[in-house]
N, C-alpha and C. Protein backbone atom coordinates (compact mmCIF):
# COMPACT_ATOMS: atom_id res chain seq x y z
N MET A 1 0.85 -1.20 0.00
CA MET A 1 0.00 0.00 0.00
C MET A 1 0.88 1.24 0.00
N SER A 2 0.66 2.15 -0.93
CA SER A 2 1.45 3.36 -1.00
C SER A 2 0.60 4.56 -0.61
N VAL A 3 1.25 5.70 -0.40
CA VAL A 3 0.54 6.92 0.00
C VAL A 3 0.48 7.86 -1.20
N GLU A 4 -0.70 7.94 -1.82
CA GLU A 4 -0.87 8.86 -2.94
C GLU A 4 -1.31 10.23 -2.43
N SER A 5 -2.38 10.22 -1.64
CA SER A 5 -2.93 11.45 -1.05
C SER A 5 -3.74 11.05 0.17
N ALA A 6 -3.28 11.44 1.35
CA ALA A 6 -3.94 10.98 2.56
C ALA A 6 -3.71 11.91 3.75
N LEU A 7 -4.54 11.73 4.76
CA LEU A 7 -4.39 12.45 6.03
C LEU A 7 -4.08 11.45 7.13
N LEU A 8 -3.30 11.88 8.09
CA LEU A 8 -3.03 11.06 9.26
C LEU A 8 -3.22 11.94 10.49
N LEU A 9 -4.21 11.59 11.32
CA LEU A 9 -4.49 12.36 12.53
C LEU A 9 -3.62 11.85 13.67
N ILE A 10 -2.81 12.76 14.19
CA ILE A 10 -1.87 12.42 15.26
C ILE A 10 -2.22 13.20 16.52
N ASP A 11 -2.16 12.52 17.67
CA ASP A 11 -2.28 13.18 18.97
C ASP A 11 -0.86 13.39 19.47
N LYS A 12 -0.36 14.63 19.27
CA LYS A 12 1.03 14.93 19.63
C LYS A 12 1.19 15.02 21.14
N ALA A 13 2.29 14.48 21.62
CA ALA A 13 2.61 14.57 23.05
C ALA A 13 3.53 15.76 23.30
N PRO A 14 3.51 16.32 24.52
CA PRO A 14 4.45 17.39 24.85
C PRO A 14 5.90 16.91 24.65
N GLY A 15 6.75 17.80 24.20
CA GLY A 15 8.15 17.45 23.98
C GLY A 15 8.47 17.21 22.52
N TRP A 16 7.49 16.84 21.75
CA TRP A 16 7.67 16.67 20.31
C TRP A 16 7.41 18.00 19.62
N THR A 17 8.19 18.34 18.61
CA THR A 17 7.85 19.46 17.75
C THR A 17 7.01 18.91 16.61
N SER A 18 6.29 19.80 15.95
CA SER A 18 5.49 19.37 14.79
C SER A 18 6.41 18.79 13.72
N HIS A 19 7.60 19.38 13.57
CA HIS A 19 8.57 18.89 12.59
C HIS A 19 9.06 17.50 12.95
N ASP A 20 9.23 17.24 14.26
CA ASP A 20 9.66 15.90 14.71
C ASP A 20 8.68 14.84 14.24
N VAL A 21 7.39 15.14 14.39
CA VAL A 21 6.35 14.17 14.03
C VAL A 21 6.38 13.90 12.53
N ILE A 22 6.45 14.98 11.73
CA ILE A 22 6.49 14.82 10.28
C ILE A 22 7.71 14.03 9.85
N ALA A 23 8.86 14.39 10.41
CA ALA A 23 10.11 13.72 10.02
C ALA A 23 10.06 12.24 10.35
N TYR A 24 9.48 11.90 11.51
CA TYR A 24 9.42 10.49 11.91
C TYR A 24 8.52 9.70 10.96
N VAL A 25 7.31 10.20 10.72
CA VAL A 25 6.36 9.49 9.86
C VAL A 25 6.88 9.41 8.43
N ARG A 26 7.46 10.48 7.95
CA ARG A 26 8.01 10.48 6.59
C ARG A 26 9.11 9.45 6.45
N GLY A 27 9.92 9.31 7.50
CA GLY A 27 11.02 8.34 7.47
C GLY A 27 10.53 6.91 7.46
N VAL A 28 9.52 6.62 8.31
CA VAL A 28 9.00 5.26 8.41
C VAL A 28 8.27 4.87 7.11
N LEU A 29 7.49 5.81 6.57
CA LEU A 29 6.72 5.51 5.36
C LEU A 29 7.53 5.68 4.08
N LYS A 30 8.73 6.28 4.25
CA LYS A 30 9.61 6.50 3.10
C LYS A 30 8.90 7.31 1.99
N ILE A 31 8.32 8.45 2.41
CA ILE A 31 7.68 9.34 1.45
C ILE A 31 8.39 10.69 1.47
N LYS A 32 8.35 11.39 0.35
CA LYS A 32 9.04 12.67 0.23
C LYS A 32 8.18 13.85 0.67
N LYS A 33 6.88 13.78 0.33
CA LYS A 33 6.02 14.92 0.61
C LYS A 33 5.15 14.68 1.84
N ALA A 34 5.30 15.58 2.82
CA ALA A 34 4.49 15.52 4.04
C ALA A 34 4.45 16.92 4.65
N GLY A 35 3.30 17.31 5.13
CA GLY A 35 3.14 18.61 5.77
C GLY A 35 2.17 18.49 6.92
N HIS A 36 1.75 19.63 7.47
CA HIS A 36 0.80 19.57 8.59
C HIS A 36 -0.19 20.73 8.50
N SER A 37 -1.18 20.69 9.38
CA SER A 37 -2.29 21.64 9.33
C SER A 37 -2.11 22.83 10.25
N GLY A 38 -0.93 23.02 10.79
CA GLY A 38 -0.70 24.11 11.73
C GLY A 38 0.17 23.66 12.88
N THR A 39 1.21 24.42 13.15
CA THR A 39 2.20 24.06 14.16
C THR A 39 1.62 24.02 15.58
N LEU A 40 2.06 23.05 16.34
CA LEU A 40 1.82 23.00 17.78
C LEU A 40 3.16 23.20 18.46
N ASP A 41 3.22 24.11 19.44
CA ASP A 41 4.46 24.33 20.17
C ASP A 41 4.88 23.05 20.89
N PRO A 42 6.18 22.87 21.16
CA PRO A 42 6.66 21.65 21.83
C PRO A 42 5.96 21.34 23.15
N MET A 43 5.62 22.38 23.95
CA MET A 43 4.97 22.13 25.24
C MET A 43 3.53 21.68 25.10
N ALA A 44 2.93 21.89 23.93
CA ALA A 44 1.51 21.58 23.72
C ALA A 44 1.31 20.13 23.29
N SER A 45 0.11 19.65 23.56
CA SER A 45 -0.29 18.32 23.08
C SER A 45 -1.51 18.49 22.20
N GLY A 46 -1.93 17.39 21.59
CA GLY A 46 -3.18 17.45 20.85
C GLY A 46 -3.09 17.20 19.37
N LEU A 47 -4.15 17.59 18.69
CA LEU A 47 -4.36 17.23 17.30
C LEU A 47 -3.40 17.90 16.32
N LEU A 48 -2.78 17.05 15.53
CA LEU A 48 -1.93 17.50 14.43
C LEU A 48 -2.36 16.69 13.21
N ILE A 49 -2.78 17.38 12.15
CA ILE A 49 -3.18 16.69 10.93
C ILE A 49 -1.99 16.64 9.99
N LEU A 50 -1.50 15.44 9.71
CA LEU A 50 -0.41 15.30 8.75
C LEU A 50 -1.00 15.13 7.35
N LEU A 51 -0.45 15.87 6.41
CA LEU A 51 -0.86 15.80 5.01
C LEU A 51 0.20 15.02 4.26
N LEU A 52 -0.19 13.91 3.68
CA LEU A 52 0.77 13.02 3.04
C LEU A 52 0.57 12.98 1.53
N GLY A 53 1.68 12.94 0.81
CA GLY A 53 1.63 12.87 -0.65
C GLY A 53 1.00 14.10 -1.27
N LYS A 54 0.08 13.89 -2.20
CA LYS A 54 -0.55 15.01 -2.92
C LYS A 54 -1.45 15.86 -2.03
N ALA A 55 -1.77 15.37 -0.85
CA ALA A 55 -2.60 16.15 0.09
C ALA A 55 -1.90 17.44 0.51
N THR A 56 -0.58 17.48 0.38
CA THR A 56 0.16 18.69 0.74
C THR A 56 -0.23 19.88 -0.13
N LYS A 57 -0.78 19.61 -1.31
CA LYS A 57 -1.22 20.70 -2.19
C LYS A 57 -2.41 21.46 -1.60
N SER A 58 -3.10 20.83 -0.66
CA SER A 58 -4.27 21.47 -0.02
C SER A 58 -3.92 22.04 1.35
N GLN A 59 -2.64 22.20 1.63
CA GLN A 59 -2.22 22.63 2.97
C GLN A 59 -2.87 23.95 3.39
N SER A 60 -2.96 24.91 2.49
CA SER A 60 -3.53 26.21 2.85
C SER A 60 -4.97 26.09 3.32
N GLU A 61 -5.72 25.14 2.74
CA GLU A 61 -7.11 24.93 3.14
C GLU A 61 -7.19 24.42 4.58
N TYR A 62 -6.31 23.48 4.92
CA TYR A 62 -6.31 22.93 6.28
C TYR A 62 -5.76 23.94 7.29
N LEU A 63 -4.79 24.73 6.88
CA LEU A 63 -4.24 25.75 7.77
C LEU A 63 -5.30 26.78 8.14
N GLY A 64 -6.25 27.02 7.24
CA GLY A 64 -7.26 28.03 7.48
C GLY A 64 -8.45 27.59 8.30
N LEU A 65 -8.49 26.31 8.68
CA LEU A 65 -9.63 25.81 9.46
C LEU A 65 -9.61 26.36 10.89
N PRO A 66 -10.80 26.59 11.48
CA PRO A 66 -10.85 27.04 12.88
C PRO A 66 -10.32 25.97 13.82
N LYS A 67 -9.92 26.38 15.00
CA LYS A 67 -9.30 25.46 15.97
C LYS A 67 -10.03 25.52 17.31
N LYS A 68 -9.87 24.45 18.08
CA LYS A 68 -10.37 24.42 19.46
C LYS A 68 -9.24 23.96 20.37
N TYR A 69 -9.15 24.60 21.52
CA TYR A 69 -8.08 24.29 22.47
C TYR A 69 -8.64 24.18 23.89
N SER A 70 -7.94 23.41 24.69
CA SER A 70 -8.15 23.37 26.13
C SER A 70 -6.87 23.92 26.75
N ALA A 71 -7.00 24.90 27.64
CA ALA A 71 -5.79 25.60 28.11
C ALA A 71 -5.84 25.92 29.59
N GLU A 72 -4.66 26.22 30.12
CA GLU A 72 -4.52 26.69 31.49
C GLU A 72 -3.60 27.91 31.49
N VAL A 73 -4.02 28.96 32.16
CA VAL A 73 -3.20 30.17 32.31
C VAL A 73 -2.84 30.32 33.78
N THR A 74 -1.57 30.55 34.04
CA THR A 74 -1.11 30.81 35.41
C THR A 74 -0.87 32.30 35.55
N LEU A 75 -1.60 32.90 36.48
CA LEU A 75 -1.49 34.35 36.71
C LEU A 75 -0.37 34.66 37.70
N GLY A 76 0.17 35.87 37.58
CA GLY A 76 1.18 36.35 38.52
C GLY A 76 2.60 36.28 38.02
N THR A 77 2.82 35.55 36.93
CA THR A 77 4.16 35.42 36.37
C THR A 77 4.11 35.54 34.86
N GLU A 78 4.98 36.37 34.30
CA GLU A 78 5.05 36.53 32.85
C GLU A 78 6.42 36.06 32.36
N THR A 79 6.43 35.30 31.27
CA THR A 79 7.69 34.82 30.69
C THR A 79 7.95 35.50 29.36
N ASP A 80 9.18 35.38 28.87
CA ASP A 80 9.52 36.05 27.61
C ASP A 80 8.82 35.44 26.40
N THR A 81 8.39 34.16 26.54
CA THR A 81 7.69 33.51 25.43
C THR A 81 6.18 33.48 25.65
N TRP A 82 5.74 33.96 26.82
CA TRP A 82 4.33 33.96 27.22
C TRP A 82 3.80 32.56 27.47
N ASP A 83 4.70 31.58 27.61
CA ASP A 83 4.27 30.23 27.97
C ASP A 83 5.26 29.64 28.98
N ALA A 84 5.00 28.40 29.38
CA ALA A 84 5.79 27.77 30.44
C ALA A 84 7.22 27.44 30.04
N GLU A 85 7.53 27.50 28.75
CA GLU A 85 8.88 27.16 28.30
C GLU A 85 9.84 28.35 28.37
N GLY A 86 9.28 29.53 28.59
CA GLY A 86 10.13 30.73 28.58
C GLY A 86 10.76 31.03 29.93
N LYS A 87 11.58 32.07 29.94
CA LYS A 87 12.22 32.53 31.17
C LYS A 87 11.34 33.59 31.83
N THR A 88 11.23 33.49 33.15
CA THR A 88 10.41 34.45 33.88
C THR A 88 11.00 35.84 33.75
N GLU A 89 10.18 36.78 33.30
CA GLU A 89 10.62 38.17 33.17
C GLU A 89 10.28 38.97 34.41
N PHE A 90 9.10 38.77 34.95
CA PHE A 90 8.72 39.44 36.19
C PHE A 90 7.47 38.79 36.78
N SER A 91 7.20 39.12 38.03
CA SER A 91 6.02 38.62 38.72
C SER A 91 5.25 39.79 39.32
N LEU A 92 3.94 39.63 39.43
CA LEU A 92 3.08 40.66 40.01
C LEU A 92 2.06 40.00 40.94
N PRO A 93 1.58 40.74 41.94
CA PRO A 93 0.54 40.18 42.80
C PRO A 93 -0.72 39.92 41.98
N VAL A 94 -1.47 38.92 42.39
CA VAL A 94 -2.73 38.59 41.71
C VAL A 94 -3.88 39.13 42.56
N PRO A 95 -4.64 40.09 42.04
CA PRO A 95 -5.76 40.64 42.81
C PRO A 95 -6.89 39.62 42.93
N GLU A 96 -7.86 39.92 43.75
CA GLU A 96 -9.01 39.04 43.87
C GLU A 96 -9.80 39.09 42.55
N ILE A 97 -10.04 37.93 41.98
CA ILE A 97 -10.75 37.85 40.70
C ILE A 97 -12.04 37.05 40.91
N THR A 98 -13.15 37.71 40.72
CA THR A 98 -14.43 37.04 40.86
C THR A 98 -14.85 36.44 39.51
N GLU A 99 -15.81 35.56 39.56
CA GLU A 99 -16.32 34.97 38.31
C GLU A 99 -16.93 36.06 37.43
N GLU A 100 -17.53 37.07 38.06
CA GLU A 100 -18.12 38.17 37.31
C GLU A 100 -17.05 38.96 36.57
N ILE A 101 -15.95 39.24 37.24
CA ILE A 101 -14.85 39.97 36.61
C ILE A 101 -14.26 39.17 35.46
N LEU A 102 -14.06 37.87 35.68
CA LEU A 102 -13.49 37.02 34.64
C LEU A 102 -14.44 36.91 33.45
N SER A 103 -15.74 36.75 33.72
CA SER A 103 -16.72 36.67 32.64
C SER A 103 -16.72 37.93 31.80
N LYS A 104 -16.67 39.08 32.44
CA LYS A 104 -16.65 40.36 31.73
C LYS A 104 -15.40 40.48 30.85
N THR A 105 -14.27 40.04 31.39
CA THR A 105 -13.01 40.11 30.66
C THR A 105 -13.04 39.21 29.43
N LEU A 106 -13.59 38.01 29.58
CA LEU A 106 -13.66 37.08 28.46
C LEU A 106 -14.61 37.58 27.38
N LYS A 107 -15.67 38.26 27.78
CA LYS A 107 -16.59 38.85 26.79
C LYS A 107 -15.87 39.90 25.95
N GLU A 108 -14.98 40.65 26.61
CA GLU A 108 -14.21 41.67 25.89
C GLU A 108 -13.24 41.04 24.90
N LEU A 109 -12.89 39.79 25.15
CA LEU A 109 -11.96 39.07 24.27
C LEU A 109 -12.69 38.06 23.39
N THR A 110 -13.95 38.35 23.07
CA THR A 110 -14.75 37.49 22.20
C THR A 110 -15.13 38.25 20.94
N GLY A 111 -15.18 37.53 19.83
CA GLY A 111 -15.47 38.17 18.55
C GLY A 111 -14.18 38.48 17.82
N THR A 112 -14.21 39.43 16.92
CA THR A 112 -13.01 39.82 16.19
C THR A 112 -12.19 40.77 17.04
N ILE A 113 -10.98 40.39 17.35
CA ILE A 113 -10.10 41.19 18.19
C ILE A 113 -8.71 41.28 17.55
N LYS A 114 -7.92 42.20 18.05
CA LYS A 114 -6.51 42.26 17.66
C LYS A 114 -5.70 41.76 18.84
N HIS A 115 -4.82 40.81 18.57
CA HIS A 115 -3.96 40.34 19.66
C HIS A 115 -2.49 40.41 19.22
N PRO A 116 -1.59 40.64 20.19
CA PRO A 116 -0.16 40.73 19.86
C PRO A 116 0.39 39.37 19.47
N ILE A 117 1.32 39.36 18.54
CA ILE A 117 2.00 38.12 18.15
C ILE A 117 3.22 37.96 19.06
N PRO A 118 3.37 36.80 19.69
CA PRO A 118 4.53 36.61 20.58
C PRO A 118 5.85 36.86 19.84
N PHE A 119 6.79 37.52 20.53
CA PHE A 119 8.11 37.75 19.92
C PHE A 119 8.75 36.43 19.52
N TYR A 120 8.60 35.44 20.39
CA TYR A 120 9.18 34.12 20.11
C TYR A 120 8.14 33.27 19.38
N SER A 121 7.99 33.53 18.09
CA SER A 121 7.05 32.78 17.27
C SER A 121 7.66 32.58 15.89
N ALA A 122 7.03 31.70 15.10
CA ALA A 122 7.53 31.42 13.76
C ALA A 122 7.02 32.42 12.73
N LYS A 123 6.19 33.37 13.18
CA LYS A 123 5.68 34.40 12.27
C LYS A 123 6.85 35.16 11.65
N LYS A 124 6.79 35.36 10.34
CA LYS A 124 7.90 36.01 9.65
C LYS A 124 7.67 37.51 9.45
N VAL A 125 8.73 38.27 9.67
CA VAL A 125 8.74 39.70 9.41
C VAL A 125 9.89 39.97 8.45
N ASN A 126 9.56 40.51 7.29
CA ASN A 126 10.57 40.74 6.25
C ASN A 126 11.36 39.47 5.92
N GLY A 127 10.63 38.34 5.90
CA GLY A 127 11.24 37.08 5.51
C GLY A 127 11.99 36.35 6.60
N GLN A 128 12.01 36.91 7.83
CA GLN A 128 12.74 36.26 8.92
C GLN A 128 11.81 35.97 10.08
N ALA A 129 11.93 34.75 10.65
CA ALA A 129 11.08 34.36 11.76
C ALA A 129 11.31 35.27 12.96
N MET A 130 10.21 35.65 13.63
CA MET A 130 10.31 36.57 14.76
C MET A 130 11.16 36.00 15.89
N TYR A 131 11.14 34.66 16.09
CA TYR A 131 11.92 34.11 17.19
C TYR A 131 13.42 34.29 16.95
N LYS A 132 13.83 34.28 15.68
CA LYS A 132 15.24 34.50 15.37
C LYS A 132 15.63 35.96 15.63
N MET A 133 14.72 36.87 15.30
CA MET A 133 14.98 38.29 15.54
C MET A 133 15.00 38.57 17.04
N ALA A 134 14.11 37.88 17.78
CA ALA A 134 14.06 38.07 19.24
C ALA A 134 15.36 37.60 19.88
N ARG A 135 15.91 36.49 19.39
CA ARG A 135 17.16 35.96 19.94
C ARG A 135 18.34 36.88 19.65
N MET A 136 18.20 37.69 18.61
CA MET A 136 19.26 38.66 18.29
C MET A 136 19.05 39.98 19.03
N GLY A 137 18.02 39.98 19.90
CA GLY A 137 17.80 41.17 20.71
C GLY A 137 16.86 42.19 20.10
N GLU A 138 16.27 41.87 18.97
CA GLU A 138 15.35 42.80 18.33
C GLU A 138 13.94 42.61 18.90
N ASN A 139 13.36 43.68 19.39
CA ASN A 139 12.03 43.64 20.00
C ASN A 139 11.01 44.06 18.95
N ILE A 140 10.44 43.09 18.26
CA ILE A 140 9.52 43.36 17.16
C ILE A 140 8.08 43.28 17.65
N SER A 141 7.32 44.32 17.45
CA SER A 141 5.93 44.35 17.89
C SER A 141 5.01 44.19 16.68
N ARG A 142 4.16 43.19 16.72
CA ARG A 142 3.22 42.93 15.64
C ARG A 142 1.88 42.49 16.23
N GLU A 143 0.81 42.86 15.54
CA GLU A 143 -0.52 42.43 15.96
C GLU A 143 -1.19 41.66 14.82
N ALA A 144 -2.15 40.84 15.18
CA ALA A 144 -2.92 40.10 14.18
C ALA A 144 -4.39 40.18 14.55
N GLU A 145 -5.24 40.26 13.54
CA GLU A 145 -6.68 40.26 13.78
C GLU A 145 -7.17 38.83 13.72
N VAL A 146 -7.79 38.38 14.78
CA VAL A 146 -8.28 37.00 14.87
C VAL A 146 -9.72 37.03 15.39
N THR A 147 -10.37 35.87 15.32
CA THR A 147 -11.73 35.77 15.83
C THR A 147 -11.82 34.72 16.92
N ILE A 148 -12.34 35.14 18.06
CA ILE A 148 -12.57 34.22 19.17
C ILE A 148 -14.06 33.91 19.18
N TYR A 149 -14.41 32.67 18.84
CA TYR A 149 -15.81 32.29 18.70
C TYR A 149 -16.50 32.07 20.04
N GLY A 150 -15.75 31.58 21.01
CA GLY A 150 -16.39 31.36 22.31
C GLY A 150 -15.47 30.70 23.33
N TRP A 151 -15.83 30.88 24.60
CA TRP A 151 -15.10 30.30 25.73
C TRP A 151 -16.04 29.34 26.46
N ASP A 152 -15.55 28.17 26.82
CA ASP A 152 -16.37 27.19 27.53
C ASP A 152 -15.58 26.57 28.68
N ASN A 153 -16.33 25.97 29.61
CA ASN A 153 -15.71 25.25 30.75
C ASN A 153 -14.68 26.11 31.48
N VAL A 154 -15.03 27.38 31.66
CA VAL A 154 -14.12 28.31 32.35
C VAL A 154 -14.15 28.04 33.85
N ALA A 155 -12.97 27.95 34.46
CA ALA A 155 -12.90 27.68 35.90
C ALA A 155 -11.71 28.40 36.51
N LEU A 156 -11.95 28.98 37.69
CA LEU A 156 -10.90 29.63 38.48
C LEU A 156 -10.42 28.65 39.54
N ASP A 157 -9.10 28.51 39.64
CA ASP A 157 -8.53 27.62 40.64
C ASP A 157 -7.29 28.31 41.22
N GLY A 158 -7.52 29.12 42.25
CA GLY A 158 -6.41 29.89 42.82
C GLY A 158 -5.91 30.91 41.82
N ASN A 159 -4.63 30.81 41.46
CA ASN A 159 -4.06 31.73 40.48
C ASN A 159 -4.07 31.14 39.06
N LYS A 160 -4.87 30.10 38.86
CA LYS A 160 -4.94 29.47 37.54
C LYS A 160 -6.34 29.60 36.95
N ILE A 161 -6.38 29.79 35.64
CA ILE A 161 -7.65 29.85 34.91
C ILE A 161 -7.64 28.71 33.89
N HIS A 162 -8.67 27.88 33.93
CA HIS A 162 -8.81 26.79 32.96
C HIS A 162 -9.95 27.15 32.01
N PHE A 163 -9.80 26.84 30.74
CA PHE A 163 -10.86 27.13 29.78
C PHE A 163 -10.67 26.35 28.49
N ASP A 164 -11.77 26.22 27.75
CA ASP A 164 -11.74 25.75 26.37
C ASP A 164 -12.05 26.95 25.51
N VAL A 165 -11.39 27.07 24.37
CA VAL A 165 -11.63 28.22 23.50
C VAL A 165 -11.71 27.76 22.04
N SER A 166 -12.67 28.33 21.32
CA SER A 166 -12.80 28.10 19.88
C SER A 166 -12.37 29.37 19.18
N CYS A 167 -11.52 29.25 18.18
CA CYS A 167 -10.94 30.45 17.57
C CYS A 167 -10.60 30.22 16.11
N SER A 168 -10.31 31.31 15.44
CA SER A 168 -9.92 31.24 14.04
C SER A 168 -8.48 30.81 13.90
N SER A 169 -8.14 30.42 12.69
CA SER A 169 -6.75 30.11 12.39
C SER A 169 -5.91 31.35 12.63
N GLY A 170 -4.68 31.16 13.09
CA GLY A 170 -3.79 32.30 13.34
C GLY A 170 -3.83 32.83 14.75
N THR A 171 -4.69 32.24 15.59
CA THR A 171 -4.78 32.69 16.98
C THR A 171 -3.67 32.06 17.81
N TYR A 172 -2.97 32.89 18.56
CA TYR A 172 -1.96 32.40 19.50
C TYR A 172 -2.59 32.35 20.88
N ILE A 173 -2.72 31.16 21.45
CA ILE A 173 -3.31 31.04 22.79
C ILE A 173 -2.37 31.67 23.81
N ARG A 174 -1.08 31.67 23.52
CA ARG A 174 -0.12 32.39 24.38
C ARG A 174 -0.47 33.87 24.49
N SER A 175 -0.92 34.42 23.36
CA SER A 175 -1.29 35.84 23.35
C SER A 175 -2.54 36.10 24.19
N LEU A 176 -3.49 35.16 24.12
CA LEU A 176 -4.69 35.30 24.94
C LEU A 176 -4.33 35.22 26.42
N ALA A 177 -3.37 34.36 26.76
CA ALA A 177 -2.91 34.24 28.15
C ALA A 177 -2.29 35.56 28.61
N TYR A 178 -1.46 36.13 27.76
CA TYR A 178 -0.82 37.42 28.05
C TYR A 178 -1.87 38.50 28.25
N MET A 179 -2.85 38.56 27.35
CA MET A 179 -3.88 39.60 27.43
C MET A 179 -4.76 39.41 28.67
N LEU A 180 -5.09 38.16 28.98
CA LEU A 180 -5.90 37.90 30.17
C LEU A 180 -5.20 38.41 31.43
N GLY A 181 -3.92 38.10 31.55
CA GLY A 181 -3.17 38.55 32.71
C GLY A 181 -3.19 40.05 32.86
N ARG A 182 -2.89 40.76 31.77
CA ARG A 182 -2.84 42.21 31.80
C ARG A 182 -4.21 42.82 32.10
N ARG A 183 -5.27 42.28 31.49
CA ARG A 183 -6.61 42.84 31.70
C ARG A 183 -7.19 42.54 33.07
N LEU A 184 -6.64 41.53 33.73
CA LEU A 184 -7.10 41.20 35.08
C LEU A 184 -6.26 41.89 36.15
N GLY A 185 -5.44 42.83 35.73
CA GLY A 185 -4.68 43.64 36.68
C GLY A 185 -3.42 42.99 37.20
N THR A 186 -2.91 42.01 36.49
CA THR A 186 -1.68 41.34 36.89
C THR A 186 -0.93 40.94 35.62
N CYS A 187 -0.31 39.80 35.60
CA CYS A 187 0.32 39.27 34.39
C CYS A 187 0.07 37.77 34.38
N GLY A 188 0.48 37.10 33.32
CA GLY A 188 0.24 35.67 33.26
C GLY A 188 0.94 35.01 32.10
N HIS A 189 0.95 33.71 32.11
CA HIS A 189 1.53 32.97 30.99
C HIS A 189 0.74 31.67 30.78
N LEU A 190 0.84 31.13 29.59
CA LEU A 190 0.18 29.88 29.24
C LEU A 190 0.95 28.72 29.87
N SER A 191 0.30 27.98 30.75
CA SER A 191 1.01 26.89 31.44
C SER A 191 0.67 25.50 30.91
N LYS A 192 -0.48 25.37 30.24
CA LYS A 192 -0.84 24.09 29.60
C LYS A 192 -1.64 24.38 28.34
N LEU A 193 -1.48 23.53 27.32
CA LEU A 193 -2.25 23.71 26.09
C LEU A 193 -2.45 22.38 25.39
N ARG A 194 -3.70 22.16 24.97
CA ARG A 194 -4.03 20.96 24.21
C ARG A 194 -4.99 21.35 23.09
N ARG A 195 -4.63 21.00 21.85
CA ARG A 195 -5.54 21.28 20.73
C ARG A 195 -6.48 20.10 20.59
N THR A 196 -7.77 20.39 20.67
CA THR A 196 -8.77 19.32 20.68
C THR A 196 -9.49 19.13 19.35
N ALA A 197 -9.46 20.14 18.49
CA ALA A 197 -10.13 20.01 17.20
C ALA A 197 -9.57 20.99 16.18
N ILE A 198 -9.65 20.57 14.91
CA ILE A 198 -9.29 21.42 13.77
C ILE A 198 -10.42 21.25 12.77
N GLY A 199 -11.22 22.30 12.57
CA GLY A 199 -12.37 22.16 11.70
C GLY A 199 -13.26 21.03 12.21
N GLY A 200 -13.60 20.08 11.36
CA GLY A 200 -14.43 18.95 11.77
C GLY A 200 -13.64 17.75 12.26
N PHE A 201 -12.33 17.89 12.40
CA PHE A 201 -11.48 16.79 12.87
C PHE A 201 -11.28 16.90 14.38
N ASP A 202 -11.45 15.77 15.09
CA ASP A 202 -11.37 15.76 16.55
C ASP A 202 -10.19 14.91 17.02
N VAL A 203 -9.56 15.35 18.10
CA VAL A 203 -8.41 14.62 18.63
C VAL A 203 -8.79 13.22 19.10
N LYS A 204 -10.07 13.01 19.40
CA LYS A 204 -10.52 11.68 19.83
C LYS A 204 -10.30 10.63 18.74
N ASP A 205 -10.23 11.09 17.49
CA ASP A 205 -10.04 10.16 16.37
C ASP A 205 -8.57 10.03 15.96
N ALA A 206 -7.69 10.66 16.72
CA ALA A 206 -6.26 10.67 16.37
C ALA A 206 -5.51 9.53 17.06
N THR A 207 -4.39 9.16 16.47
CA THR A 207 -3.52 8.13 17.03
C THR A 207 -2.41 8.78 17.85
N PRO A 208 -2.23 8.42 19.11
CA PRO A 208 -1.16 9.02 19.91
C PRO A 208 0.21 8.81 19.26
N VAL A 209 1.03 9.83 19.29
CA VAL A 209 2.33 9.74 18.62
C VAL A 209 3.21 8.67 19.25
N GLU A 210 3.05 8.44 20.54
CA GLU A 210 3.86 7.40 21.20
C GLU A 210 3.45 6.01 20.69
N ALA A 211 2.18 5.86 20.31
CA ALA A 211 1.73 4.58 19.74
C ALA A 211 2.28 4.42 18.33
N VAL A 212 2.34 5.53 17.60
CA VAL A 212 2.87 5.52 16.24
C VAL A 212 4.33 5.05 16.25
N LYS A 213 5.07 5.45 17.28
CA LYS A 213 6.48 5.06 17.38
C LYS A 213 6.66 3.55 17.43
N LYS A 214 5.64 2.84 17.91
CA LYS A 214 5.74 1.38 18.04
C LYS A 214 5.17 0.65 16.83
N MET A 215 4.66 1.41 15.86
CA MET A 215 4.02 0.80 14.69
C MET A 215 4.98 0.56 13.54
N THR A 216 4.65 -0.43 12.74
CA THR A 216 5.36 -0.64 11.48
C THR A 216 4.73 0.29 10.44
N ALA A 217 5.37 0.40 9.29
CA ALA A 217 4.82 1.22 8.21
C ALA A 217 3.43 0.73 7.83
N GLU A 218 3.25 -0.59 7.80
CA GLU A 218 1.95 -1.16 7.45
C GLU A 218 0.87 -0.78 8.47
N ASP A 219 1.24 -0.76 9.75
CA ASP A 219 0.30 -0.38 10.79
C ASP A 219 -0.11 1.09 10.67
N ILE A 220 0.86 1.94 10.38
CA ILE A 220 0.59 3.36 10.23
C ILE A 220 -0.34 3.61 9.05
N LEU A 221 -0.11 2.89 7.97
CA LEU A 221 -0.94 3.06 6.77
C LEU A 221 -2.39 2.67 7.03
N LYS A 222 -2.63 1.79 8.00
CA LYS A 222 -3.99 1.41 8.33
C LYS A 222 -4.75 2.56 9.02
N CYS A 223 -3.99 3.54 9.52
CA CYS A 223 -4.59 4.66 10.25
C CYS A 223 -4.85 5.87 9.36
N VAL A 224 -4.32 5.88 8.16
CA VAL A 224 -4.47 7.06 7.30
C VAL A 224 -5.87 7.12 6.70
N LYS A 225 -6.28 8.35 6.39
CA LYS A 225 -7.55 8.59 5.70
C LYS A 225 -7.23 8.96 4.26
N THR A 226 -7.51 8.07 3.34
CA THR A 226 -7.20 8.28 1.94
C THR A 226 -8.13 9.32 1.33
N LEU A 227 -7.57 10.25 0.56
CA LEU A 227 -8.37 11.28 -0.09
C LEU A 227 -8.61 10.94 -1.56
């Protein structure tokens, strides 16, 4: 069985980069063309759609699909990357936050909004990734217009906020964590992230990447969705 044009739904584990997953599957299947539906940061887990063979020609369509995430924000500490992998830049006291205050803040961050793009991101400015410019000491400020469709399962737990969020392609959940911290009168960073859906594709239908590591090429091919 060969791969002409197919999708492979992977449940990425923390510690893997999106490139790691592609490189591994491409090596086992011995195929030249493979892409994905949108990068997941190494600390994140969840759905990654691999595009195999001729399916890579439709990459822009999959990149543009809306996303769903389950996340945790830790208030009181801000890092240079706005997530748990970065270095702590400063800490601030966390004021008393009621459910009413949090609900009001989330409403302000619903719909079409502008959010800052993290300095440490793969977004390119003048052909160069922002994370490379940041490492050279260049402080590049950029914003992106995104759409936040809704927040669900919101819960306060001490200095942590848990939530599920549905959003448009191009949304940085790290940026939402940063904005939440600032708007709640303190600071914050993204401490956990899991992508649960991309368009109509759900992580429940994905194969864990650690399971893929134990599979033969034939076993992996049984998991692909032929287009």
